[in-house]
Amino acid sequence: MTPLGTLLPAPLDLDGYRAGPPQRAGALTMVPVWGPERPGIVPPRSGLKLKRVVGYGQVELHNGAREGVAIVPLHLGYIQDAAQNHALCSSALLGAGQTRRFDDACCVQAGQGGYLEGRDQWFFVLPAELRAQAMRLRGRKDYAKLWPDITALNRAYGLPSRGHLEQILSRKRATLTQFQSRLELLPGQLGALFFLRDRFAGLELAPDPVYFAEMWMPLVCFAYGVGAWRAEPALSAAEPYDATDLAGLRAELARDRAERMAEVASWLPEPGGDLRMVEDERYLDLRLSTVTGDGLAGQVVTEHGRPIYASVFADR
C-alpha cells in the first residue's frame, strides 16, 4: 500500500503504521490499519457521556473517567426516541471528570421537540455526505444549520425531503448495521482506510484498539455505510479459479490479493502541497488540529508530532 504519510500534512510522523489486506462489502472497501498504541485515552462509548442538552444546538458532554483524556470523535452524534437528536461539528479534548458545553451543535431532526437525556441513547458519526459541510459550519450557533443538507441528502436517496437524518439512520438501521458483520474488525486494529467504489472516502485512526472497536459500528455503518448502501452493486456470479490442486489454488489466491492491493492503492489521493493543518486547542501535550486542502478535510490529535487520533475524509 502507499504509505499513509501521503494523506496527512508534514511534519506528522506516521512511521510504524501499516495497512493490511483490503476487505470489500459491496461498494465499500475497508483497509485495516495497525500501528503504535497510545494507552490512557478514554474510549468514546464507555467513558464519554452526553450529560444533557442545555437548549437546541447546545449540548454538554462529560468525561466520567477518573483519569485519562477523552478525545471526542469528530462529528459524533446521539440519537434517542422522542427527542431532538444532535451531532457535533468538531472534535474536542476533555480532561478526566471534565464537563464541556458545545454551543455550535447541529440538530439533525427538523421539527422534533424534546431534549436528549443521559440515558437510552446510541451514538453515530455523521454520514460522509454531510461531514465536509459540518466542518464548514463549526462555530456557527444555529441549531438548524444542517437541515438543508440533510433534506438534500434524503431527496437524493429517494426519501421524503425533510431535514430528518433519522429517516436514514434509524429507519434504515437494520440494513446499515449489516456492514459491521460484512466487514471484519481484526485483532489489534486501530484504524482503517475507507473507499466507496473506487474513490477514497476517509482515513480513521484511533489511539488504541479498544477506542477503535467502540467506533467500529458508527464508522462502518453510518459514516461510510450510508453511501455504500445507496451504491450497492447488483450481485454477480463469481468466476471459479482454474487451479486443479492446492498449490495452484494458493498461487491464484496470492495473485488475486496482490492485484487487489495494487488496485486499492491506486485509489489513494495523490500527495499534494496544499494540505494545511491549523491548531484548534491543546490539553497537556495533546494538540487538536484541523486539516484542509487538496480535496481533504478533517481533524487530527497529535502528541509530540505523532498522530494518535485522526478523522480525515474526502471534501466533496
C-alpha atoms as a PDB file:
ATOM      1  CA  MET A   1       0.000   0.000   0.000  1.00  0.00           C
ATOM      2  CA  THR A   2       1.002   3.624  -0.477  1.00  0.00           C
ATOM      3  CA  PRO A   3       2.455   4.971   2.812  1.00  0.00           C
ATOM      4  CA  LEU A   4      -0.175   6.626   4.991  1.00  0.00           C
ATOM      5  CA  GLY A   5       2.023   9.708   5.243  1.00  0.00           C
ATOM      6  CA  THR A   6       0.767  10.858   1.850  1.00  0.00           C
ATOM      7  CA  LEU A   7      -2.649  11.529   3.382  1.00  0.00           C
ATOM      8  CA  LEU A   8      -1.622  13.862   6.195  1.00  0.00           C
ATOM      9  CA  PRO A   9       0.485  17.016   6.130  1.00  0.00           C
ATOM     10  CA  ALA A  10       4.139  17.088   7.120  1.00  0.00           C
ATOM     11  CA  PRO A  11       5.694  17.013   9.652  1.00  0.00           C
ATOM     12  CA  LEU A  12       3.284  14.402  11.060  1.00  0.00           C
ATOM     13  CA  ASP A  13       5.120  11.169  11.709  1.00  0.00           C
ATOM     14  CA  LEU A  14       3.210   8.098  10.542  1.00  0.00           C
ATOM     15  CA  ASP A  15       6.149   5.722  10.825  1.00  0.00           C
ATOM     16  CA  GLY A  16       5.027   2.402  12.235  1.00  0.00           C
ATOM     17  CA  TYR A  17       1.532   2.468  10.768  1.00  0.00           C
ATOM     18  CA  ARG A  18       0.873  -0.318   8.306  1.00  0.00           C
ATOM     19  CA  ALA A  19      -2.089  -1.284   6.148  1.00  0.00           C
ATOM     20  CA  GLY A  20      -3.390  -4.823   5.770  1.00  0.00           C
ATOM     21  CA  PRO A  21      -5.268  -6.679   3.036  1.00  0.00           C
ATOM     22  CA  PRO A  22      -8.419  -4.876   1.857  1.00  0.00           C
ATOM     23  CA  GLN A  23     -11.894  -6.193   2.612  1.00  0.00           C
ATOM     24  CA  ARG A  24     -14.917  -5.464   0.438  1.00  0.00           C
ATOM     25  CA  ALA A  25     -18.631  -5.332   1.240  1.00  0.00           C
ATOM     26  CA  GLY A  26     -20.485  -4.304  -1.889  1.00  0.00           C
ATOM     27  CA  ALA A  27     -19.414  -0.768  -2.803  1.00  0.00           C
ATOM     28  CA  LEU A  28     -17.479  -0.270   0.457  1.00  0.00           C
ATOM     29  CA  THR A  29     -13.817  -1.259   0.763  1.00  0.00           C
ATOM     30  CA  MET A  30     -12.066  -1.179   4.130  1.00  0.00           C
ATOM     31  CA  VAL A  31      -8.301  -1.457   4.568  1.00  0.00           C
ATOM     32  CA  PRO A  32      -7.351  -2.273   8.183  1.00  0.00           C
ATOM     33  CA  VAL A  33      -4.571  -0.250   9.795  1.00  0.00           C
ATOM     34  CA  TRP A  34      -2.259  -1.236  12.655  1.00  0.00           C
ATOM     35  CA  GLY A  35       0.241   0.990  14.387  1.00  0.00           C
ATOM     36  CA  PRO A  36       1.699   2.315  17.641  1.00  0.00           C
ATOM     37  CA  GLU A  37      -0.760   2.428  20.533  1.00  0.00           C
ATOM     38  CA  ARG A  38      -1.214   5.350  22.891  1.00  0.00           C
ATOM     39  CA  PRO A  39      -2.654   3.987  26.172  1.00  0.00           C
ATOM     40  CA  GLY A  40      -4.671   6.094  28.588  1.00  0.00           C
ATOM     41  CA  ILE A  41      -7.120   7.762  26.191  1.00  0.00           C
ATOM     42  CA  VAL A  42     -10.725   7.364  27.368  1.00  0.00           C
ATOM     43  CA  PRO A  43     -12.802   5.378  24.840  1.00  0.00           C
ATOM     44  CA  PRO A  44     -15.872   7.192  23.467  1.00  0.00           C
ATOM     45  CA  ARG A  45     -18.760   4.855  24.254  1.00  0.00           C
ATOM     46  CA  SER A  46     -17.792   3.556  27.688  1.00  0.00           C
ATOM     47  CA  GLY A  47     -16.127   6.715  29.027  1.00  0.00           C
ATOM     48  CA  LEU A  48     -17.663   9.718  27.276  1.00  0.00           C
ATOM     49  CA  LYS A  49     -21.285  10.565  28.072  1.00  0.00           C
ATOM     50  CA  LEU A  50     -23.857  13.051  26.890  1.00  0.00           C
ATOM     51  CA  LYS A  51     -24.701  14.792  30.159  1.00  0.00           C
ATOM     52  CA  ARG A  52     -27.591  16.951  28.960  1.00  0.00           C
ATOM     53  CA  VAL A  53     -28.979  19.184  26.250  1.00  0.00           C
ATOM     54  CA  VAL A  54     -28.980  22.765  27.512  1.00  0.00           C
ATOM     55  CA  GLY A  55     -31.052  24.023  24.576  1.00  0.00           C
ATOM     56  CA  TYR A  56     -31.444  23.255  20.906  1.00  0.00           C
ATOM     57  CA  GLY A  57     -27.941  23.233  19.449  1.00  0.00           C
ATOM     58  CA  GLN A  58     -26.352  23.262  22.925  1.00  0.00           C
ATOM     59  CA  VAL A  59     -25.121  20.006  24.465  1.00  0.00           C
ATOM     60  CA  GLU A  60     -22.890  19.045  27.369  1.00  0.00           C
ATOM     61  CA  LEU A  61     -20.502  16.084  27.255  1.00  0.00           C
ATOM     62  CA  HIS A  62     -18.841  14.605  30.326  1.00  0.00           C
ATOM     63  CA  ASN A  63     -15.650  12.585  30.666  1.00  0.00           C
ATOM     64  CA  GLY A  64     -16.596  10.309  33.537  1.00  0.00           C
ATOM     65  CA  ALA A  65     -13.227   8.591  33.804  1.00  0.00           C
ATOM     66  CA  ARG A  66     -11.176   9.057  36.973  1.00  0.00           C
ATOM     67  CA  GLU A  67      -8.080   9.503  34.850  1.00  0.00           C
ATOM     68  CA  GLY A  68      -7.271   9.909  31.192  1.00  0.00           C
ATOM     69  CA  VAL A  69      -8.127  12.405  28.471  1.00  0.00           C
ATOM     70  CA  ALA A  70     -11.178  11.832  26.294  1.00  0.00           C
ATOM     71  CA  ILE A  71     -10.940  12.597  22.584  1.00  0.00           C
ATOM     72  CA  VAL A  72     -14.421  13.456  21.327  1.00  0.00           C
ATOM     73  CA  PRO A  73     -14.766  11.750  17.927  1.00  0.00           C
ATOM     74  CA  LEU A  74     -15.248  14.117  15.012  1.00  0.00           C
ATOM     75  CA  HIS A  75     -18.939  14.527  14.046  1.00  0.00           C
ATOM     76  CA  LEU A  76     -20.192  12.455  16.955  1.00  0.00           C
ATOM     77  CA  GLY A  77     -23.977  12.378  17.285  1.00  0.00           C
ATOM     78  CA  TYR A  78     -26.552  10.955  19.681  1.00  0.00           C
ATOM     79  CA  ILE A  79     -29.993   9.513  18.968  1.00  0.00           C
ATOM     80  CA  GLN A  80     -32.836   8.877  21.393  1.00  0.00           C
ATOM     81  CA  ASP A  81     -36.512   8.166  20.756  1.00  0.00           C
ATOM     82  CA  ALA A  82     -38.903  11.138  21.085  1.00  0.00           C
ATOM     83  CA  ALA A  83     -36.080  13.663  21.453  1.00  0.00           C
ATOM     84  CA  GLN A  84     -34.219  16.133  19.247  1.00  0.00           C
ATOM     85  CA  ASN A  85     -31.121  14.305  18.037  1.00  0.00           C
ATOM     86  CA  HIS A  86     -27.849  16.232  17.908  1.00  0.00           C
ATOM     87  CA  ALA A  87     -24.433  15.965  16.255  1.00  0.00           C
ATOM     88  CA  LEU A  88     -21.228  17.890  16.918  1.00  0.00           C
ATOM     89  CA  CYS A  89     -19.349  19.796  14.232  1.00  0.00           C
ATOM     90  CA  SER A  90     -15.875  19.215  15.653  1.00  0.00           C
ATOM     91  CA  SER A  91     -13.704  17.064  17.857  1.00  0.00           C
ATOM     92  CA  ALA A  92     -12.523  18.144  21.328  1.00  0.00           C
ATOM     93  CA  LEU A  93     -10.280  17.186  24.258  1.00  0.00           C
ATOM     94  CA  LEU A  94     -11.793  16.627  27.720  1.00  0.00           C
ATOM     95  CA  GLY A  95      -9.780  16.017  30.869  1.00  0.00           C
ATOM     96  CA  ALA A  96     -10.754  13.431  33.478  1.00  0.00           C
ATOM     97  CA  GLY A  97     -14.006  14.439  35.194  1.00  0.00           C
ATOM     98  CA  GLN A  98     -14.470  17.446  32.901  1.00  0.00           C
ATOM     99  CA  THR A  99     -17.851  18.570  31.568  1.00  0.00           C
ATOM    100  CA  ARG A 100     -17.833  20.716  28.444  1.00  0.00           C
ATOM    101  CA  ARG A 101     -20.611  22.604  26.713  1.00  0.00           C
ATOM    102  CA  PHE A 102     -20.802  22.794  22.911  1.00  0.00           C
ATOM    103  CA  ASP A 103     -22.886  25.712  21.654  1.00  0.00           C
ATOM    104  CA  ASP A 104     -22.481  25.016  17.926  1.00  0.00           C
ATOM    105  CA  ALA A 105     -24.055  21.552  17.786  1.00  0.00           C
ATOM    106  CA  CYS A 106     -26.463  20.614  14.989  1.00  0.00           C
ATOM    107  CA  CYS A 107     -29.995  19.372  15.463  1.00  0.00           C
ATOM    108  CA  VAL A 108     -30.434  16.610  12.911  1.00  0.00           C
ATOM    109  CA  GLN A 109     -34.192  16.132  13.148  1.00  0.00           C
ATOM    110  CA  ALA A 110     -36.155  19.144  11.911  1.00  0.00           C
ATOM    111  CA  GLY A 111     -39.289  19.899  13.880  1.00  0.00           C
ATOM    112  CA  GLN A 112     -38.819  17.234  16.564  1.00  0.00           C
ATOM    113  CA  GLY A 113     -39.304  18.505  20.094  1.00  0.00           C
ATOM    114  CA  GLY A 114     -37.801  17.201  23.313  1.00  0.00           C
ATOM    115  CA  TYR A 115     -34.284  17.168  24.693  1.00  0.00           C
ATOM    116  CA  LEU A 116     -31.886  14.241  24.792  1.00  0.00           C
ATOM    117  CA  GLU A 117     -31.320  12.831  28.264  1.00  0.00           C
ATOM    118  CA  GLY A 118     -28.315  10.973  29.581  1.00  0.00           C
ATOM    119  CA  ARG A 119     -29.930   7.544  29.149  1.00  0.00           C
ATOM    120  CA  ASP A 120     -31.171   5.106  26.491  1.00  0.00           C
ATOM    121  CA  GLN A 121     -29.056   6.594  23.703  1.00  0.00           C
ATOM    122  CA  TRP A 122     -26.939   5.261  20.897  1.00  0.00           C
ATOM    123  CA  PHE A 123     -24.343   7.264  19.066  1.00  0.00           C
ATOM    124  CA  PHE A 124     -23.374   7.646  15.442  1.00  0.00           C
ATOM    125  CA  VAL A 125     -20.984   9.563  13.208  1.00  0.00           C
ATOM    126  CA  LEU A 126     -22.423  11.859  10.546  1.00  0.00           C
ATOM    127  CA  PRO A 127     -22.612  10.271   7.081  1.00  0.00           C
ATOM    128  CA  ALA A 128     -19.683  11.153   4.830  1.00  0.00           C
ATOM    129  CA  GLU A 129     -22.019  13.143   2.577  1.00  0.00           C
ATOM    130  CA  LEU A 130     -22.599  15.661   5.410  1.00  0.00           C
ATOM    131  CA  ARG A 131     -19.176  15.831   7.041  1.00  0.00           C
ATOM    132  CA  ALA A 132     -17.497  18.479   4.882  1.00  0.00           C
ATOM    133  CA  GLN A 133     -20.428  20.852   5.354  1.00  0.00           C
ATOM    134  CA  ALA A 134     -20.489  20.182   9.100  1.00  0.00           C
ATOM    135  CA  MET A 135     -16.800  21.139   9.223  1.00  0.00           C
ATOM    136  CA  ARG A 136     -17.538  24.407   7.447  1.00  0.00           C
ATOM    137  CA  LEU A 137     -20.311  25.163   9.957  1.00  0.00           C
ATOM    138  CA  ARG A 138     -18.063  24.874  13.025  1.00  0.00           C
ATOM    139  CA  GLY A 139     -18.550  27.787  15.392  1.00  0.00           C
ATOM    140  CA  ARG A 140     -21.852  28.890  13.869  1.00  0.00           C
ATOM    141  CA  LYS A 141     -24.554  28.898  16.543  1.00  0.00           C
ATOM    142  CA  ASP A 142     -27.616  27.814  14.592  1.00  0.00           C
ATOM    143  CA  TYR A 143     -29.208  24.522  15.546  1.00  0.00           C
ATOM    144  CA  ALA A 144     -30.968  24.240  12.151  1.00  0.00           C
ATOM    145  CA  LYS A 145     -27.840  24.890  10.072  1.00  0.00           C
ATOM    146  CA  LEU A 146     -27.525  21.331   8.712  1.00  0.00           C
ATOM    147  CA  TRP A 147     -31.197  20.817   7.846  1.00  0.00           C
ATOM    148  CA  PRO A 148     -30.903  21.953   4.192  1.00  0.00           C
ATOM    149  CA  ASP A 149     -28.078  19.471   3.581  1.00  0.00           C
ATOM    150  CA  ILE A 150     -29.941  16.656   5.347  1.00  0.00           C
ATOM    151  CA  THR A 151     -33.001  17.470   3.237  1.00  0.00           C
ATOM    152  CA  ALA A 152     -30.931  17.326   0.039  1.00  0.00           C
ATOM    153  CA  LEU A 153     -29.384  14.009   1.122  1.00  0.00           C
ATOM    154  CA  ASN A 154     -32.791  12.471   1.784  1.00  0.00           C
ATOM    155  CA  ARG A 155     -34.064  13.711  -1.572  1.00  0.00           C
ATOM    156  CA  ALA A 156     -31.041  12.254  -3.379  1.00  0.00           C
ATOM    157  CA  TYR A 157     -31.728   8.898  -1.719  1.00  0.00           C
ATOM    158  CA  GLY A 158     -35.393   8.872  -2.738  1.00  0.00           C
ATOM    159  CA  LEU A 159     -36.672   9.661   0.757  1.00  0.00           C
ATOM    160  CA  PRO A 160     -39.069  12.449   1.826  1.00  0.00           C
ATOM    161  CA  SER A 161     -37.435  15.885   1.512  1.00  0.00           C
ATOM    162  CA  ARG A 162     -37.112  16.718   5.186  1.00  0.00           C
ATOM    163  CA  GLY A 163     -34.277  17.651   7.500  1.00  0.00           C
ATOM    164  CA  HIS A 164     -34.688  14.353   9.349  1.00  0.00           C
ATOM    165  CA  LEU A 165     -31.498  12.305   9.447  1.00  0.00           C
ATOM    166  CA  GLU A 166     -33.301   9.527  11.322  1.00  0.00           C
ATOM    167  CA  GLN A 167     -35.035   8.652   8.038  1.00  0.00           C
ATOM    168  CA  ILE A 168     -31.688   7.090   7.153  1.00  0.00           C
ATOM    169  CA  LEU A 169     -30.001   6.277  10.463  1.00  0.00           C
ATOM    170  CA  SER A 170     -32.996   4.825  12.299  1.00  0.00           C
ATOM    171  CA  ARG A 171     -35.352   3.564   9.616  1.00  0.00           C
ATOM    172  CA  LYS A 172     -32.537   2.014   7.558  1.00  0.00           C
ATOM    173  CA  ARG A 173     -30.598   0.867  10.606  1.00  0.00           C
ATOM    174  CA  ALA A 174     -31.244  -2.849  10.039  1.00  0.00           C
ATOM    175  CA  THR A 175     -29.690  -2.549   6.574  1.00  0.00           C
ATOM    176  CA  LEU A 176     -26.818  -0.284   7.594  1.00  0.00           C
ATOM    177  CA  THR A 177     -25.764  -2.361  10.589  1.00  0.00           C
ATOM    178  CA  GLN A 178     -25.073  -5.321   8.305  1.00  0.00           C
ATOM    179  CA  PHE A 179     -21.805  -3.632   7.321  1.00  0.00           C
ATOM    180  CA  GLN A 180     -20.328  -4.289  10.784  1.00  0.00           C
ATOM    181  CA  SER A 181     -20.520  -8.026  10.106  1.00  0.00           C
ATOM    182  CA  ARG A 182     -19.867  -7.948   6.353  1.00  0.00           C
ATOM    183  CA  LEU A 183     -16.520  -6.325   7.186  1.00  0.00           C
ATOM    184  CA  GLU A 184     -14.310  -7.852   9.874  1.00  0.00           C
ATOM    185  CA  LEU A 185     -12.703  -5.886  12.684  1.00  0.00           C
ATOM    186  CA  LEU A 186      -9.335  -7.590  13.176  1.00  0.00           C
ATOM    187  CA  PRO A 187      -7.372  -8.152  16.412  1.00  0.00           C
ATOM    188  CA  GLY A 188      -5.178  -5.171  17.247  1.00  0.00           C
ATOM    189  CA  GLN A 189      -6.685  -2.994  14.516  1.00  0.00           C
ATOM    190  CA  LEU A 190      -6.701   0.689  15.457  1.00  0.00           C
ATOM    191  CA  GLY A 191      -7.643   2.350  12.197  1.00  0.00           C
ATOM    192  CA  ALA A 192      -8.894   1.951   8.663  1.00  0.00           C
ATOM    193  CA  LEU A 193      -8.909   3.429   5.200  1.00  0.00           C
ATOM    194  CA  PHE A 194     -12.354   3.549   3.595  1.00  0.00           C
ATOM    195  CA  PHE A 195     -13.174   3.660  -0.111  1.00  0.00           C
ATOM    196  CA  LEU A 196     -16.551   3.988  -1.813  1.00  0.00           C
ATOM    197  CA  ARG A 197     -16.423   2.186  -5.136  1.00  0.00           C
ATOM    198  CA  ASP A 198     -13.031   3.311  -6.449  1.00  0.00           C
ATOM    199  CA  ARG A 199     -12.789   6.625  -4.592  1.00  0.00           C
ATOM    200  CA  PHE A 200     -11.072   7.464  -1.311  1.00  0.00           C
ATOM    201  CA  ALA A 201     -13.686   8.205   1.363  1.00  0.00           C
ATOM    202  CA  GLY A 202     -11.749   8.555   4.611  1.00  0.00           C
ATOM    203  CA  LEU A 203      -8.918   7.675   6.985  1.00  0.00           C
ATOM    204  CA  GLU A 204      -9.756   6.896  10.613  1.00  0.00           C
ATOM    205  CA  LEU A 205      -7.068   6.357  13.275  1.00  0.00           C
ATOM    206  CA  ALA A 206      -7.650   5.721  16.983  1.00  0.00           C
ATOM    207  CA  PRO A 207      -5.268   5.793  19.959  1.00  0.00           C
ATOM    208  CA  ASP A 208      -5.652   2.051  20.572  1.00  0.00           C
ATOM    209  CA  PRO A 209      -7.722  -0.968  19.511  1.00  0.00           C
ATOM    210  CA  VAL A 210     -10.265  -0.513  22.337  1.00  0.00           C
ATOM    211  CA  TYR A 211     -11.105   3.015  21.178  1.00  0.00           C
ATOM    212  CA  PHE A 212     -11.370   1.911  17.551  1.00  0.00           C
ATOM    213  CA  ALA A 213     -13.562  -1.069  18.439  1.00  0.00           C
ATOM    214  CA  GLU A 214     -16.045   1.305  20.073  1.00  0.00           C
ATOM    215  CA  MET A 215     -16.029   3.436  16.902  1.00  0.00           C
ATOM    216  CA  TRP A 216     -16.358   0.466  14.540  1.00  0.00           C
ATOM    217  CA  MET A 217     -20.142   0.412  14.214  1.00  0.00           C
ATOM    218  CA  PRO A 218     -20.654   4.219  13.990  1.00  0.00           C
ATOM    219  CA  LEU A 219     -17.965   4.478  11.313  1.00  0.00           C
ATOM    220  CA  VAL A 220     -18.677   1.385   9.229  1.00  0.00           C
ATOM    221  CA  CYS A 221     -22.466   1.534   9.427  1.00  0.00           C
ATOM    222  CA  PHE A 222     -23.218   5.255   9.462  1.00  0.00           C
ATOM    223  CA  ALA A 223     -20.247   7.425   8.443  1.00  0.00           C
ATOM    224  CA  TYR A 224     -19.353   5.249   5.444  1.00  0.00           C
ATOM    225  CA  GLY A 225     -22.151   2.685   5.271  1.00  0.00           C
ATOM    226  CA  VAL A 226     -24.818   5.173   4.171  1.00  0.00           C
ATOM    227  CA  GLY A 227     -23.106   5.919   0.863  1.00  0.00           C
ATOM    228  CA  ALA A 228     -22.274   2.239   0.391  1.00  0.00           C
ATOM    229  CA  TRP A 229     -25.906   1.265   0.938  1.00  0.00           C
ATOM    230  CA  ARG A 230     -27.035   3.544  -1.878  1.00  0.00           C
ATOM    231  CA  ALA A 231     -24.222   2.398  -4.186  1.00  0.00           C
ATOM    232  CA  GLU A 232     -24.690  -1.323  -3.516  1.00  0.00           C
ATOM    233  CA  PRO A 233     -23.854  -3.126  -6.778  1.00  0.00           C
ATOM    234  CA  ALA A 234     -26.001  -5.848  -8.266  1.00  0.00           C
ATOM    235  CA  LEU A 235     -24.962  -9.367  -7.368  1.00  0.00           C
ATOM    236  CA  SER A 236     -22.840 -11.089  -9.976  1.00  0.00           C
ATOM    237  CA  ALA A 237     -21.709 -14.678 -10.306  1.00  0.00           C
ATOM    238  CA  ALA A 238     -18.203 -15.390  -9.035  1.00  0.00           C
ATOM    239  CA  GLU A 239     -15.725 -16.752 -11.544  1.00  0.00           C
ATOM    240  CA  PRO A 240     -14.134 -20.044 -10.452  1.00  0.00           C
ATOM    241  CA  TYR A 241     -10.366 -20.448 -10.323  1.00  0.00           C
ATOM    242  CA  ASP A 242      -8.625 -22.613 -12.906  1.00  0.00           C
ATOM    243  CA  ALA A 243      -6.448 -24.341 -10.307  1.00  0.00           C
ATOM    244  CA  THR A 244      -6.633 -28.127 -10.131  1.00  0.00           C
ATOM    245  CA  ASP A 245      -4.617 -28.641  -6.941  1.00  0.00           C
ATOM    246  CA  LEU A 246      -3.954 -26.933  -3.609  1.00  0.00           C
ATOM    247  CA  ALA A 247      -0.662 -25.368  -4.687  1.00  0.00           C
ATOM    248  CA  GLY A 248      -2.286 -23.861  -7.757  1.00  0.00           C
ATOM    249  CA  LEU A 249      -5.181 -22.522  -5.702  1.00  0.00           C
ATOM    250  CA  ARG A 250      -2.801 -20.845  -3.261  1.00  0.00           C
ATOM    251  CA  ALA A 251      -0.921 -19.247  -6.147  1.00  0.00           C
ATOM    252  CA  GLU A 252      -4.123 -17.873  -7.674  1.00  0.00           C
ATOM    253  CA  LEU A 253      -5.280 -16.527  -4.306  1.00  0.00           C
ATOM    254  CA  ALA A 254      -1.922 -14.808  -3.761  1.00  0.00           C
ATOM    255  CA  ARG A 255      -2.084 -13.267  -7.229  1.00  0.00           C
ATOM    256  CA  ASP A 256      -5.636 -12.013  -6.668  1.00  0.00           C
ATOM    257  CA  ARG A 257      -4.690 -10.468  -3.332  1.00  0.00           C
ATOM    258  CA  ALA A 258      -1.660  -8.711  -4.818  1.00  0.00           C
ATOM    259  CA  GLU A 259      -3.741  -7.345  -7.682  1.00  0.00           C
ATOM    260  CA  ARG A 260      -6.411  -6.169  -5.262  1.00  0.00           C
ATOM    261  CA  MET A 261      -3.847  -4.426  -3.051  1.00  0.00           C
ATOM    262  CA  ALA A 262      -2.375  -2.629  -6.068  1.00  0.00           C
ATOM    263  CA  GLU A 263      -5.822  -1.613  -7.267  1.00  0.00           C
ATOM    264  CA  VAL A 264      -6.856  -0.164  -3.895  1.00  0.00           C
ATOM    265  CA  ALA A 265      -3.506   1.641  -3.519  1.00  0.00           C
ATOM    266  CA  SER A 266      -4.195   3.398  -6.823  1.00  0.00           C
ATOM    267  CA  TRP A 267      -7.370   4.872  -5.320  1.00  0.00           C
ATOM    268  CA  LEU A 268      -5.488   6.837  -2.662  1.00  0.00           C
ATOM    269  CA  PRO A 269      -5.325  10.597  -3.251  1.00  0.00           C
ATOM    270  CA  GLU A 270      -2.109  11.877  -4.763  1.00  0.00           C
ATOM    271  CA  PRO A 271       0.122  13.674  -2.258  1.00  0.00           C
ATOM    272  CA  GLY A 272      -0.119  17.408  -2.717  1.00  0.00           C
ATOM    273  CA  GLY A 273       1.426  20.557  -1.381  1.00  0.00           C
ATOM    274  CA  ASP A 274      -1.736  22.439  -0.433  1.00  0.00           C
ATOM    275  CA  LEU A 275      -2.699  20.426   2.647  1.00  0.00           C
ATOM    276  CA  ARG A 276      -2.856  22.727   5.683  1.00  0.00           C
ATOM    277  CA  MET A 277      -3.049  21.994   9.414  1.00  0.00           C
ATOM    278  CA  VAL A 278      -4.160  24.624  11.953  1.00  0.00           C
ATOM    279  CA  GLU A 279      -4.140  24.025  15.707  1.00  0.00           C
ATOM    280  CA  ASP A 280      -7.526  24.486  17.397  1.00  0.00           C
ATOM    281  CA  GLU A 281      -6.897  23.555  21.023  1.00  0.00           C
ATOM    282  CA  ARG A 282      -4.482  21.767  23.324  1.00  0.00           C
ATOM    283  CA  TYR A 283      -4.533  19.765  26.541  1.00  0.00           C
ATOM    284  CA  LEU A 284      -1.194  18.987  28.179  1.00  0.00           C
ATOM    285  CA  ASP A 285       0.935  17.574  25.316  1.00  0.00           C
ATOM    286  CA  LEU A 286      -2.056  16.839  23.074  1.00  0.00           C
ATOM    287  CA  ARG A 287      -2.810  19.112  20.125  1.00  0.00           C
ATOM    288  CA  LEU A 288      -6.110  19.100  18.223  1.00  0.00           C
ATOM    289  CA  SER A 289      -5.743  20.494  14.697  1.00  0.00           C
ATOM    290  CA  THR A 290      -7.921  20.907  11.618  1.00  0.00           C
ATOM    291  CA  VAL A 291      -6.717  19.601   8.256  1.00  0.00           C
ATOM    292  CA  THR A 292      -7.938  21.152   4.983  1.00  0.00           C
ATOM    293  CA  GLY A 293      -6.849  21.291   1.359  1.00  0.00           C
ATOM    294  CA  ASP A 294      -6.246  19.056  -1.669  1.00  0.00           C
ATOM    295  CA  GLY A 295      -9.800  17.733  -1.515  1.00  0.00           C
ATOM    296  CA  LEU A 296      -9.426  16.555   2.091  1.00  0.00           C
ATOM    297  CA  ALA A 297     -10.801  17.787   5.406  1.00  0.00           C
ATOM    298  CA  GLY A 298     -10.859  16.551   8.979  1.00  0.00           C
ATOM    299  CA  GLN A 299      -9.183  16.787  12.360  1.00  0.00           C
ATOM    300  CA  VAL A 300      -6.109  15.211  13.929  1.00  0.00           C
ATOM    301  CA  VAL A 301      -4.886  14.885  17.516  1.00  0.00           C
ATOM    302  CA  THR A 302      -1.112  14.755  17.876  1.00  0.00           C
ATOM    303  CA  GLU A 303       1.301  14.218  20.736  1.00  0.00           C
ATOM    304  CA  HIS A 304       4.876  15.374  20.170  1.00  0.00           C
ATOM    305  CA  GLY A 305       4.162  15.492  16.437  1.00  0.00           C
ATOM    306  CA  ARG A 306       2.790  11.956  16.175  1.00  0.00           C
ATOM    307  CA  PRO A 307      -0.905  11.449  15.400  1.00  0.00           C
ATOM    308  CA  ILE A 308      -2.832   9.453  17.988  1.00  0.00           C
ATOM    309  CA  TYR A 309      -6.271  10.188  16.507  1.00  0.00           C
ATOM    310  CA  ALA A 310      -7.322  11.184  13.007  1.00  0.00           C
ATOM    311  CA  SER A 311     -10.544  11.508  11.066  1.00  0.00           C
ATOM    312  CA  VAL A 312      -9.710  12.786   7.578  1.00  0.00           C
ATOM    313  CA  PHE A 313     -12.184  12.422   4.733  1.00  0.00           C
ATOM    314  CA  ALA A 314     -12.801  13.435   1.143  1.00  0.00           C
ATOM    315  CA  ASP A 315     -14.128  17.008   0.956  1.00  0.00           C
ATOM    316  CA  ARG A 316     -16.810  16.814  -1.682  1.00  0.00           C
END
